[in-house]
Protein backbone atom coordinates (compact mmCIF):
# COMPACT_ATOMS: atom_id res chain seq x y z
CA UNK A 1 0.00 0.00 0.00
CA UNK A 2 1.08 3.56 -0.62
CA UNK A 3 1.28 6.07 2.23
CA UNK A 4 1.18 9.84 2.56
CA UNK A 5 2.78 11.62 5.53
CA UNK A 6 1.17 14.81 6.76
CA UNK A 7 2.83 17.21 9.28
CA UNK A 8 1.04 19.66 11.57
CA UNK A 9 2.57 22.64 13.46
CA UNK A 10 1.83 22.57 17.17
CA UNK A 11 1.50 25.93 18.97
CA UNK A 12 4.54 27.08 21.01
CA UNK A 13 4.26 27.48 24.77
CA UNK A 14 6.80 28.34 27.49
CA UNK A 15 7.30 24.65 28.18
CA UNK A 16 7.00 23.19 24.68
CA UNK A 17 8.95 23.64 21.49
CA UNK A 18 7.62 23.21 18.01
CA UNK A 19 6.44 19.64 17.57
CA UNK A 20 5.50 17.77 14.41
CA UNK A 21 2.94 15.00 14.61
CA UNK A 22 2.98 12.67 11.64
CA UNK A 23 -0.08 10.80 10.55
CA UNK A 24 0.16 8.07 7.97
CA UNK A 25 -2.89 7.73 5.76
CA UNK A 26 -3.02 4.45 3.92
CA UNK A 27 -3.78 4.90 0.24
CA UNK A 28 -5.29 1.77 -1.30
CA UNK A 29 -5.36 0.66 -4.90
CA UNK A 30 -8.73 -1.04 -5.30
CA UNK A 31 -9.44 -2.80 -8.57
CA UNK A 32 -13.10 -3.53 -9.32
CA UNK A 33 -14.81 -5.83 -11.79
CA UNK A 34 -17.33 -3.42 -13.34
CA UNK A 35 -18.31 -5.46 -16.40
CA UNK A 36 -22.01 -5.27 -15.45
CA UNK A 37 -22.11 -1.46 -15.58
CA UNK A 38 -23.93 -1.46 -18.92
CA UNK A 39 -25.98 1.62 -19.73
CA UNK A 40 -29.62 0.70 -20.30
CA UNK A 41 -29.04 -2.98 -19.50
CA UNK A 42 -28.67 -3.17 -15.73
CA UNK A 43 -30.58 -5.51 -13.46
CA UNK A 44 -30.21 -6.02 -9.71
CA UNK A 45 -26.47 -6.77 -9.60
CA UNK A 46 -25.73 -3.92 -11.98
CA UNK A 47 -27.59 -1.44 -9.77
CA UNK A 48 -25.87 -2.77 -6.66
CA UNK A 49 -22.54 -2.18 -8.43
CA UNK A 50 -23.55 1.29 -9.60
CA UNK A 51 -24.88 2.68 -6.33
CA UNK A 52 -22.36 1.12 -3.93
CA UNK A 53 -19.36 2.18 -6.04
CA UNK A 54 -20.73 5.68 -6.56
CA UNK A 55 -20.92 6.11 -2.79
CA UNK A 56 -17.54 4.57 -2.01
CA UNK A 57 -15.47 6.26 -4.71
CA UNK A 58 -16.82 9.73 -4.00
CA UNK A 59 -16.72 9.50 -0.21
CA UNK A 60 -13.32 7.80 0.04
CA UNK A 61 -11.61 9.96 -2.56
CA UNK A 62 -8.11 9.48 -1.09
CA UNK A 63 -8.01 5.96 -2.54
CA UNK A 64 -7.34 4.89 -6.12
CA UNK A 65 -9.95 2.83 -7.95
CA UNK A 66 -9.43 0.92 -11.18
CA UNK A 67 -12.66 -0.06 -12.94
CA UNK A 68 -12.31 -3.01 -15.31
CA UNK A 69 -14.80 -3.07 -18.19
CA UNK A 70 -15.05 -5.74 -20.88
CA UNK A 71 -16.26 -3.30 -23.56
CA UNK A 72 -16.42 0.45 -24.23
CA UNK A 73 -17.95 2.16 -21.18
CA UNK A 74 -20.21 5.12 -20.56
CA UNK A 75 -18.61 8.08 -18.76
CA UNK A 76 -21.64 8.11 -16.45
CA UNK A 77 -19.91 5.28 -14.59
CA UNK A 78 -16.73 7.23 -13.87
CA UNK A 79 -18.04 8.79 -10.70
CA UNK A 80 -14.97 10.68 -9.53
CA UNK A 81 -11.42 11.71 -10.42
CA UNK A 82 -9.86 8.87 -8.42
CA UNK A 83 -11.21 6.28 -10.88
CA UNK A 84 -9.09 4.92 -13.73
CA UNK A 85 -11.15 2.95 -16.28
CA UNK A 86 -9.52 -0.02 -18.03
CA UNK A 87 -11.07 -1.92 -20.92
CA UNK A 88 -10.06 -5.58 -21.06
CA UNK A 89 -11.19 -7.79 -23.93
CA UNK A 90 -12.87 -10.09 -24.80
CA UNK A 91 -16.48 -9.30 -23.95
CA UNK A 92 -17.68 -11.87 -21.41
CA UNK A 93 -20.70 -13.29 -23.21
CA UNK A 94 -20.08 -17.02 -22.74
CA UNK A 95 -18.74 -19.37 -20.02
CA UNK A 96 -15.55 -19.97 -22.03
CA UNK A 97 -15.01 -16.21 -22.16
CA UNK A 98 -15.76 -15.88 -18.44
CA UNK A 99 -12.93 -18.32 -17.83
CA UNK A 100 -10.54 -16.53 -20.19
CA UNK A 101 -11.33 -13.09 -18.76
CA UNK A 102 -11.07 -13.94 -15.08
CA UNK A 103 -8.33 -16.58 -15.12
CA UNK A 104 -6.01 -15.11 -17.74
CA UNK A 105 -6.77 -11.44 -18.34
CA UNK A 106 -7.62 -10.17 -14.84
CA UNK A 107 -4.41 -11.36 -13.08
CA UNK A 108 -2.20 -9.23 -15.34
CA UNK A 109 -4.38 -6.17 -14.69
CA UNK A 110 -4.18 -6.67 -10.93
CA UNK A 111 -0.41 -6.88 -11.20
CA UNK A 112 -0.11 -3.74 -13.36
CA UNK A 113 -2.34 -1.71 -11.05
CA UNK A 114 -0.39 -2.83 -7.98
CA UNK A 115 -3.72 -3.73 -6.45
CA UNK A 116 -4.28 -4.10 -2.74
CA UNK A 117 -7.83 -5.42 -3.18
CA UNK A 118 -9.85 -7.04 -5.96
CA UNK A 119 -13.56 -6.27 -5.49
CA UNK A 120 -16.01 -8.23 -7.63
CA UNK A 121 -19.64 -7.11 -7.21
CA UNK A 122 -20.96 -9.98 -9.36
CA UNK A 123 -19.21 -12.71 -7.34
CA UNK A 124 -16.70 -13.92 -9.94
CA UNK A 125 -13.03 -14.10 -8.89
CA UNK A 126 -9.73 -15.09 -10.43
CA UNK A 127 -8.11 -18.22 -9.04
CA UNK A 128 -4.78 -17.15 -10.58
CA UNK A 129 -3.96 -14.27 -8.26
CA UNK A 130 -2.97 -13.86 -4.62
CA UNK A 131 -4.44 -10.36 -4.31
CA UNK A 132 -6.91 -10.19 -1.37
CA UNK A 133 -10.31 -10.67 -2.99
CA UNK A 134 -13.86 -9.76 -1.97
CA UNK A 135 -16.70 -11.17 -4.08
CA UNK A 136 -20.30 -10.09 -3.61
CA UNK A 137 -22.19 -13.36 -4.06
CA UNK A 138 -25.80 -12.19 -4.23
CA UNK A 139 -27.29 -15.68 -4.13
CA UNK A 140 -26.54 -19.22 -5.25
CA UNK A 141 -29.82 -20.03 -6.99
CA UNK A 142 -27.90 -22.24 -9.45
CA UNK A 143 -27.18 -24.70 -6.62
CA UNK A 144 -30.89 -25.16 -5.95
CA UNK A 145 -32.29 -24.66 -9.47
CA UNK A 146 -29.60 -25.75 -11.96
CA UNK A 147 -32.26 -26.73 -14.48
CA UNK A 148 -33.08 -23.05 -15.03
CA UNK A 149 -29.74 -22.39 -16.70
CA UNK A 150 -28.13 -23.52 -19.97
CA UNK A 151 -25.80 -26.50 -19.56
CA UNK A 152 -22.46 -24.67 -19.80
CA UNK A 153 -23.58 -21.81 -17.55
CA UNK A 154 -24.71 -24.11 -14.76
CA UNK A 155 -21.53 -26.20 -15.09
CA UNK A 156 -19.41 -23.07 -14.75
CA UNK A 157 -21.35 -21.70 -11.77
CA UNK A 158 -21.40 -24.96 -9.86
CA UNK A 159 -17.75 -25.71 -10.61
CA UNK A 160 -16.24 -22.29 -9.99
CA UNK A 161 -18.36 -20.51 -7.39
CA UNK A 162 -17.44 -22.99 -4.62
CA UNK A 163 -13.79 -22.27 -5.49
CA UNK A 164 -14.39 -18.53 -5.53
CA UNK A 165 -16.07 -18.69 -2.13
CA UNK A 166 -13.22 -20.66 -0.60
CA UNK A 167 -10.55 -18.46 -2.16
CA UNK A 168 -12.13 -15.20 -1.00
CA UNK A 169 -10.62 -13.44 2.00
CA UNK A 170 -14.16 -12.38 2.85
CA UNK A 171 -17.53 -12.60 1.14
CA UNK A 172 -20.30 -10.02 0.98
CA UNK A 173 -23.89 -10.96 0.25
CA UNK A 174 -27.23 -9.18 0.22
CA UNK A 175 -29.33 -10.95 2.87
CA UNK A 176 -29.12 -13.08 5.99
CA UNK A 177 -30.79 -15.82 3.97
CA UNK A 178 -28.01 -15.81 1.37
CA UNK A 179 -25.37 -15.66 4.10
CA UNK A 180 -26.72 -18.81 5.72
CA UNK A 181 -27.12 -20.53 2.34
CA UNK A 182 -23.55 -19.76 1.21
CA UNK A 183 -22.16 -20.79 4.58
CA UNK A 184 -24.00 -24.12 4.49
CA UNK A 185 -23.53 -25.04 0.83
CA UNK A 186 -19.85 -24.07 0.60
CA UNK A 187 -18.79 -24.78 4.17
CA UNK A 188 -17.71 -21.17 4.75
CA UNK A 189 -17.55 -19.90 8.36
CA UNK A 190 -20.39 -17.45 8.87
CA UNK A 191 -18.04 -14.87 10.42
CA UNK A 192 -16.32 -14.54 7.02
CA UNK A 193 -19.55 -13.39 5.35
CA UNK A 194 -20.83 -9.82 5.63
CA UNK A 195 -24.46 -8.92 4.92
CA UNK A 196 -24.70 -5.84 2.69
CA UNK A 197 -28.35 -5.17 1.89
CA UNK A 198 -29.40 -3.66 -1.40
CA UNK A 199 -30.67 -0.11 -1.14
CA UNK A 200 -33.73 1.92 -2.03
CA UNK A 201 -33.00 4.85 -4.29
CA UNK A 202 -34.61 8.17 -3.40
CA UNK A 203 -35.95 8.18 -6.96
CA UNK A 204 -38.65 5.70 -5.91
CA UNK A 205 -41.31 7.83 -4.26
CA UNK A 206 -45.04 8.48 -4.77
CA UNK A 207 -46.19 10.54 -7.76
CA UNK A 208 -49.29 12.67 -8.15
CA UNK A 209 -52.62 11.61 -9.64
CA UNK A 210 -52.00 13.35 -12.98
CA UNK A 211 -48.65 11.58 -13.41
CA UNK A 212 -50.33 8.27 -12.62
CA UNK A 213 -53.07 8.99 -15.14
CA UNK A 214 -50.55 9.85 -17.85
CA UNK A 215 -48.55 6.68 -17.18
CA UNK A 216 -51.66 4.53 -17.41
CA UNK A 217 -52.69 6.22 -20.66
CA UNK A 218 -49.23 5.52 -22.06
CA UNK A 219 -48.99 1.84 -21.11
CA UNK A 220 -52.43 0.37 -20.28
CA UNK A 221 -55.04 2.48 -22.11
CA UNK A 222 -55.84 4.24 -18.83
CA UNK A 223 -56.61 1.04 -16.88
CA UNK A 224 -55.32 -0.04 -13.47
CA UNK A 225 -52.66 -2.76 -13.50
CA UNK A 226 -50.64 -5.21 -11.46
CA UNK A 227 -46.91 -4.95 -12.12
CA UNK A 228 -44.04 -7.42 -12.11
CA UNK A 229 -40.44 -6.20 -12.39
CA UNK A 230 -37.59 -8.60 -13.17
CA UNK A 231 -35.90 -10.58 -15.91
CA UNK A 232 -37.95 -13.13 -17.83
CA UNK A 233 -36.15 -16.04 -16.17
CA UNK A 234 -37.71 -19.34 -14.98
CA UNK A 235 -37.06 -18.70 -11.28
CA UNK A 236 -38.97 -15.43 -11.55
CA UNK A 237 -42.06 -17.63 -11.82
CA UNK A 238 -43.86 -15.50 -14.40
CA UNK A 239 -45.57 -18.54 -15.93
CA UNK A 240 -47.48 -19.21 -12.70
CA UNK A 241 -48.23 -15.51 -12.41
CA UNK A 242 -49.83 -15.66 -15.88
CA UNK A 243 -51.95 -18.66 -14.89
CA UNK A 244 -53.03 -16.97 -11.65
CA UNK A 245 -53.85 -13.73 -13.45
CA UNK A 246 -55.96 -15.58 -16.01
CA UNK A 247 -58.06 -17.15 -13.22
CA UNK A 248 -58.24 -13.81 -11.38
CA UNK A 249 -59.66 -12.20 -14.53
CA UNK A 250 -62.17 -15.00 -15.01
CA UNK A 251 -63.45 -14.63 -11.45
CA UNK A 252 -63.52 -10.82 -11.22
CA UNK A 253 -64.35 -9.76 -14.80
CA UNK A 254 -62.28 -6.67 -13.99
CA UNK A 255 -60.44 -4.54 -16.54
CA UNK A 256 -57.19 -4.55 -14.55
CA UNK A 257 -54.09 -5.27 -16.65
CA UNK A 258 -50.79 -7.03 -15.92
CA UNK A 259 -47.56 -5.21 -16.82
CA UNK A 260 -44.30 -7.18 -17.11
CA UNK A 261 -41.12 -5.09 -16.97
CA UNK A 262 -37.85 -6.80 -17.81
CA UNK A 263 -35.65 -8.35 -20.46
CA UNK A 264 -35.49 -11.95 -21.62
CA UNK A 265 -32.90 -14.31 -20.20
CA UNK A 266 -32.49 -18.08 -20.30
CA UNK A 267 -35.13 -20.64 -21.24
CA UNK A 268 -38.27 -18.65 -21.90
CA UNK A 269 -40.02 -21.29 -24.07
CA UNK A 270 -42.27 -22.45 -21.20
CA UNK A 271 -43.26 -18.86 -20.51
CA UNK A 272 -44.12 -18.37 -24.18
CA UNK A 273 -46.24 -21.53 -24.23
CA UNK A 274 -48.20 -20.50 -21.13
CA UNK A 275 -48.71 -16.99 -22.46
CA UNK A 276 -50.01 -18.23 -25.82
CA UNK A 277 -52.65 -20.36 -24.04
CA UNK A 278 -53.91 -17.52 -21.83
CA UNK A 279 -57.51 -16.42 -22.22
CA UNK A 280 -56.62 -12.83 -21.27
CA UNK A 281 -53.22 -12.49 -22.91
CA UNK A 282 -54.37 -9.26 -24.60
CA UNK A 283 -54.40 -7.71 -21.12
CA UNK A 284 -50.72 -8.51 -20.49
CA UNK A 285 -48.30 -5.75 -21.48
CA UNK A 286 -44.59 -6.42 -21.95
CA UNK A 287 -42.47 -3.26 -21.73
CA UNK A 288 -39.03 -4.85 -21.97
CA UNK A 289 -36.28 -3.00 -20.11
CA UNK A 290 -37.09 0.61 -19.31
CA UNK A 291 -35.03 3.57 -18.12
CA UNK A 292 -35.07 4.35 -14.36
CA UNK A 293 -37.43 7.32 -14.69
CA UNK A 294 -39.95 5.27 -16.68
CA UNK A 295 -39.64 2.39 -14.20
CA UNK A 296 -40.31 4.76 -11.32
CA UNK A 297 -43.50 6.01 -12.98
CA UNK A 298 -44.62 2.49 -13.89
CA UNK A 299 -44.22 1.24 -10.31
CA UNK A 300 -45.70 4.36 -8.69
CA UNK A 301 -48.80 4.19 -10.94
CA UNK A 302 -49.50 0.48 -10.38
CA UNK A 303 -52.39 -0.94 -8.39
CA UNK A 304 -49.99 -3.39 -6.72
CA UNK A 305 -46.62 -5.08 -7.15
CA UNK A 306 -46.98 -8.84 -7.79
CA UNK A 307 -43.48 -10.16 -7.14
CA UNK A 308 -43.65 -13.95 -7.03
CA UNK A 309 -40.23 -15.56 -7.74
CA UNK A 310 -39.43 -18.98 -6.37
CA UNK A 311 -35.92 -17.88 -5.37
CA UNK A 312 -34.36 -14.49 -4.60
CA UNK A 313 -31.19 -13.36 -2.89
CA UNK A 314 -32.92 -10.07 -2.03
CA UNK A 315 -35.68 -8.73 -4.32
CA UNK A 316 -35.15 -5.03 -5.05
CA UNK A 317 -38.63 -4.51 -6.62
CA UNK A 318 -40.16 -5.17 -3.19
CA UNK A 319 -38.59 -2.09 -1.64
CA UNK A 320 -38.97 0.00 -4.80
CA UNK A 321 -42.73 -0.57 -4.57
CA UNK A 322 -42.62 0.31 -0.87
CA UNK A 323 -40.89 3.59 -1.75
CA UNK A 324 -43.68 4.40 -4.23
CA UNK A 325 -46.50 3.71 -1.74
CA UNK A 326 -48.05 0.79 -3.60
CA UNK A 327 -48.97 -2.49 -1.88
CA UNK A 328 -46.84 -5.59 -2.47
CA UNK A 329 -47.83 -9.20 -3.07
CA UNK A 330 -44.75 -11.30 -2.50
CA UNK A 331 -43.43 -14.87 -2.27
CA UNK A 332 -42.96 -16.40 1.16
CA UNK A 333 -39.68 -18.12 0.23
CA UNK A 334 -35.90 -17.55 0.55
CA UNK A 335 -34.93 -13.93 1.36
CA UNK A 336 -38.22 -12.24 0.57
CA UNK A 337 -39.85 -12.38 4.06
CA UNK A 338 -36.61 -10.87 5.43
CA UNK A 339 -36.91 -7.94 3.01
CA UNK A 340 -40.69 -7.53 3.19
CA UNK A 341 -41.15 -7.94 6.93
CA UNK A 342 -44.77 -7.40 7.96
CA UNK A 343 -45.31 -4.82 5.20
CA UNK A 344 -46.27 -7.15 2.34
CA UNK A 345 -48.92 -9.78 1.65
CA UNK A 346 -47.36 -13.23 1.19
CA UNK A 347 -48.23 -16.10 -1.14
CA UNK A 348 -46.83 -19.55 -1.94
CA UNK A 349 -45.06 -19.08 -5.30
CA UNK A 350 -45.40 -22.76 -6.15
CA UNK A 351 -49.21 -22.57 -5.99
CA UNK A 352 -51.14 -20.87 -8.78
CA UNK A 353 -54.18 -20.83 -6.52
CA UNK A 354 -52.24 -19.07 -3.74
CA UNK A 355 -51.03 -16.36 -6.14
CA UNK A 356 -54.56 -15.91 -7.51
CA UNK A 357 -56.04 -15.67 -4.02
CA UNK A 358 -53.42 -13.11 -3.06
CA UNK A 359 -54.36 -10.96 -6.06
CA UNK A 360 -58.03 -11.27 -5.17
CA UNK A 361 -57.36 -10.30 -1.57
CA UNK A 362 -55.52 -7.12 -2.56
CA UNK A 363 -58.11 -6.31 -5.21
CA UNK A 364 -61.06 -6.61 -2.84
CA UNK A 365 -59.63 -5.26 0.42
CA UNK A 366 -58.86 -1.54 0.37
CA UNK A 367 -58.15 -1.50 4.12
CA UNK A 368 -55.47 -4.17 3.63
CA UNK A 369 -53.83 -2.15 0.86
CA UNK A 370 -53.74 0.97 3.03
CA UNK A 371 -52.37 -0.98 6.01
CA UNK A 372 -49.56 -2.51 3.94
CA UNK A 373 -48.56 0.89 2.57
CA UNK A 374 -48.40 2.37 6.08
CA UNK A 375 -46.25 -0.51 7.37
CA UNK A 376 -44.00 -0.22 4.32
CA UNK A 377 -43.16 3.37 5.26
CA UNK A 378 -41.38 1.94 8.29
CA UNK A 379 -39.89 -1.16 6.64
CA UNK A 380 -38.33 0.74 3.74
CA UNK A 381 -36.21 2.88 6.09
CA UNK A 382 -33.99 -0.17 6.63
CA UNK A 383 -32.64 0.10 3.09
CA UNK A 384 -30.62 2.85 1.42
CA UNK A 385 -27.75 2.86 -1.06
CA UNK A 386 -25.70 4.99 1.36
CA UNK A 387 -25.97 2.19 3.91
CA UNK A 388 -25.09 -0.32 1.21
CA UNK A 389 -21.94 1.61 0.28
CA UNK A 390 -20.86 1.93 3.91
CA UNK A 391 -21.42 -1.75 4.64
CA UNK A 392 -19.45 -2.76 1.54
CA UNK A 393 -16.63 -0.42 2.57
CA UNK A 394 -16.64 -2.03 6.03
CA UNK A 395 -16.33 -5.41 4.34
CA UNK A 396 -13.32 -4.24 2.33
CA UNK A 397 -11.64 -3.04 5.53
CA UNK A 398 -12.53 -6.29 7.30
CA UNK A 399 -10.84 -8.15 4.46
CA UNK A 400 -7.59 -6.23 4.91
CA UNK A 401 -7.62 -6.37 8.70
CA UNK A 402 -7.95 -10.15 8.61
């Protein structure tokens, strides 16, 4: 590590001469895997990377940060003057390229930057370096649901992530659930794992009636709607949500729509099949990925958030909905009860009937909706990106101290 020495003049007195007190401030070189900072294409891990690094690099400006991208980057991601961006090819679009990038390209960068720490917000590490390393392993869904992933991806995850976890000096993760899961599955002592919750951006707040009306006119022909936010991935459980929504519509005859916000990922053929067989598929609106401002308006104008994955390491849409003062229907599995507390209405994500009944309950019970919103105003205070940045910084310091 580099050091700077600062001297201070002490005031003279009759009994003291001029004294100099020297303080050594440790200057760290922190190299960060920032390959998921992709403008217009960020999901949960990307936003964790964005917000936590923005806080850390600007607050701890005495340190040097090297951001490693795998393609041309947007200057929006260079948050402060103490950041040096480095582009390292090839683009990591395939398990073979993941291996090449992390095992062969990253070690030389760490050496050239004289790195004291390698921080990897997406959990991947290099096994070919001795630099103290901190991965943020958000969850290990691939251990429990390998069938959701293409063959090579699941082979890579289940071969390399146990090695990454055991190589890491410390591990950060986003919930107590994930901490316990990583500790159990990979035999990692719990004291080596730090919980760093995701945060709620101040962007997500209620909007006025006119803004809600304009959003509905833009997306749902002026009608109320349930909203789901997340990638179109099997563990997000959208197929069961479609089935439940179809039954809900049959029973209520309501005009309420269902808005799905997110991009396609692996294995969406089952989702397509279920959608094509829906009676009310014309009432389902796919927006694809949207910019943060549009997402804010979509969430804040919704009747309710219907977030029903089978597996989540955290579940950022839960707290985004809380910030916007809309009620949340949420799965009762994995980390989601930890995030939702008593401020959401829970369902069994493996039961279409349970999801449908949850939608009916919210639809018919205004008092319940109001009660959930009031409780959410308390629950959401537990999460902020400033807290996330501070906790991640603590984890970096814990890594070096140990």
